[in-house]
Amino acid sequence: MKHYSEHVLHLYVLGAPEVSKSRGAINAHLEKCKGCRSLVERIEGFTAELEGELKREEFQQGDTWGKKSVWQAARFRCLLDGRIHPGR
């Protein structure tokens, strides 16, 4: 069974255009693979936590993050953490 990298699963959760053509195959894989499904759940939790942090930050500092989408902020966070590389 082919497994998807954490990088690809991050993009999948974020709804990134880079994986739009692969969504069907990823969905099918997730139905069968408990490990990848578990990883997606953890990524979704991370994304929800990040969204909460951004909302708190926006509330505390005004509209600093208000014009950025959660996807952009999460991608930036992943770039900082070294999870994805520029240009991907």
Protein backbone atom coordinates (compact mmCIF):
# COMPACT_ATOMS: atom_id res chain seq x y z
CA MET A 1 0.00 0.00 0.00
CA LYS A 2 1.33 3.44 -0.95
CA HIS A 3 1.32 5.90 1.94
CA TYR A 4 1.28 9.66 1.57
CA SER A 5 3.93 11.84 3.18
CA GLU A 6 3.08 14.10 6.08
CA HIS A 7 3.76 17.03 3.76
CA VAL A 8 1.09 15.87 1.30
CA LEU A 9 -1.39 15.19 4.10
CA HIS A 10 -0.83 18.71 5.48
CA LEU A 11 -1.63 20.11 2.05
CA TYR A 12 -4.68 17.82 1.84
CA VAL A 13 -6.05 19.07 5.18
CA LEU A 14 -5.42 22.68 4.21
CA GLY A 15 -7.24 22.20 0.90
CA ALA A 16 -4.16 23.31 -1.00
CA PRO A 17 -4.35 23.43 -4.79
CA GLU A 18 -1.13 21.39 -5.00
CA VAL A 19 -3.08 18.23 -4.12
CA SER A 20 -6.40 18.98 -5.83
CA LYS A 21 -5.85 16.34 -8.52
CA SER A 22 -4.95 13.72 -5.89
CA ARG A 23 -7.84 14.30 -3.45
CA GLY A 24 -9.83 11.31 -4.67
CA ALA A 25 -6.89 8.94 -4.33
CA ILE A 26 -6.03 10.36 -0.90
CA ASN A 27 -9.65 9.96 0.25
CA ALA A 28 -9.65 6.34 -0.91
CA HIS A 29 -6.37 5.69 0.87
CA LEU A 30 -7.62 7.26 4.10
CA GLU A 31 -10.64 4.93 4.09
CA LYS A 32 -8.27 1.95 4.19
CA CYS A 33 -5.27 3.21 6.18
CA LYS A 34 -5.72 3.76 9.90
CA GLY A 35 -2.21 5.23 10.29
CA CYS A 36 -2.65 7.93 7.67
CA ARG A 37 -6.18 8.64 8.91
CA SER A 38 -4.76 9.13 12.42
CA LEU A 39 -2.10 11.49 11.06
CA VAL A 40 -4.78 13.51 9.22
CA GLU A 41 -6.75 13.78 12.47
CA ARG A 42 -3.66 15.13 14.27
CA ILE A 43 -3.04 17.62 11.44
CA GLU A 44 -6.67 18.73 11.61
CA GLY A 45 -6.25 19.26 15.36
CA PHE A 46 -3.10 21.30 14.74
CA THR A 47 -4.92 23.38 12.13
CA ALA A 48 -7.87 23.99 14.47
CA GLU A 49 -5.46 24.99 17.24
CA LEU A 50 -3.68 27.38 14.89
CA GLU A 51 -6.97 28.90 13.81
CA GLY A 52 -7.84 29.47 17.47
CA GLU A 53 -4.47 31.12 18.07
CA LEU A 54 -4.98 33.39 15.07
CA LYS A 55 -8.43 34.41 16.30
CA ARG A 56 -7.04 35.19 19.76
CA GLU A 57 -4.16 37.13 18.21
CA GLU A 58 -6.57 39.09 16.01
CA PHE A 59 -8.71 39.89 19.04
CA GLN A 60 -5.69 41.02 21.09
CA GLN A 61 -3.90 43.01 18.38
CA GLY A 62 -6.69 44.21 16.16
CA ASP A 63 -6.85 43.16 12.51
CA THR A 64 -3.23 41.98 12.20
CA TRP A 65 -4.20 38.56 10.83
CA GLY A 66 -7.67 39.51 9.68
CA LYS A 67 -6.80 39.73 5.99
CA LYS A 68 -4.89 36.43 5.91
CA SER A 69 -6.66 33.15 5.50
CA VAL A 70 -6.06 30.26 7.85
CA TRP A 71 -4.53 28.40 4.91
CA GLN A 72 -1.95 31.13 4.35
CA ALA A 73 -1.10 31.31 8.04
CA ALA A 74 -0.84 27.53 8.39
CA ARG A 75 1.36 27.31 5.31
CA PHE A 76 3.60 30.02 6.75
CA ARG A 77 3.78 28.15 10.07
CA CYS A 78 4.72 24.94 8.25
CA LEU A 79 7.41 26.80 6.32
CA LEU A 80 8.83 28.13 9.59
CA ASP A 81 8.75 24.66 11.15
CA GLY A 82 10.51 23.19 8.10
CA ARG A 83 7.56 20.91 7.29
CA ILE A 84 7.29 22.21 3.76
CA HIS A 85 9.75 23.97 1.51
CA PRO A 86 9.26 27.20 -0.44
CA GLY A 87 7.94 26.66 -3.94
CA ARG A 88 5.88 23.58 -3.08
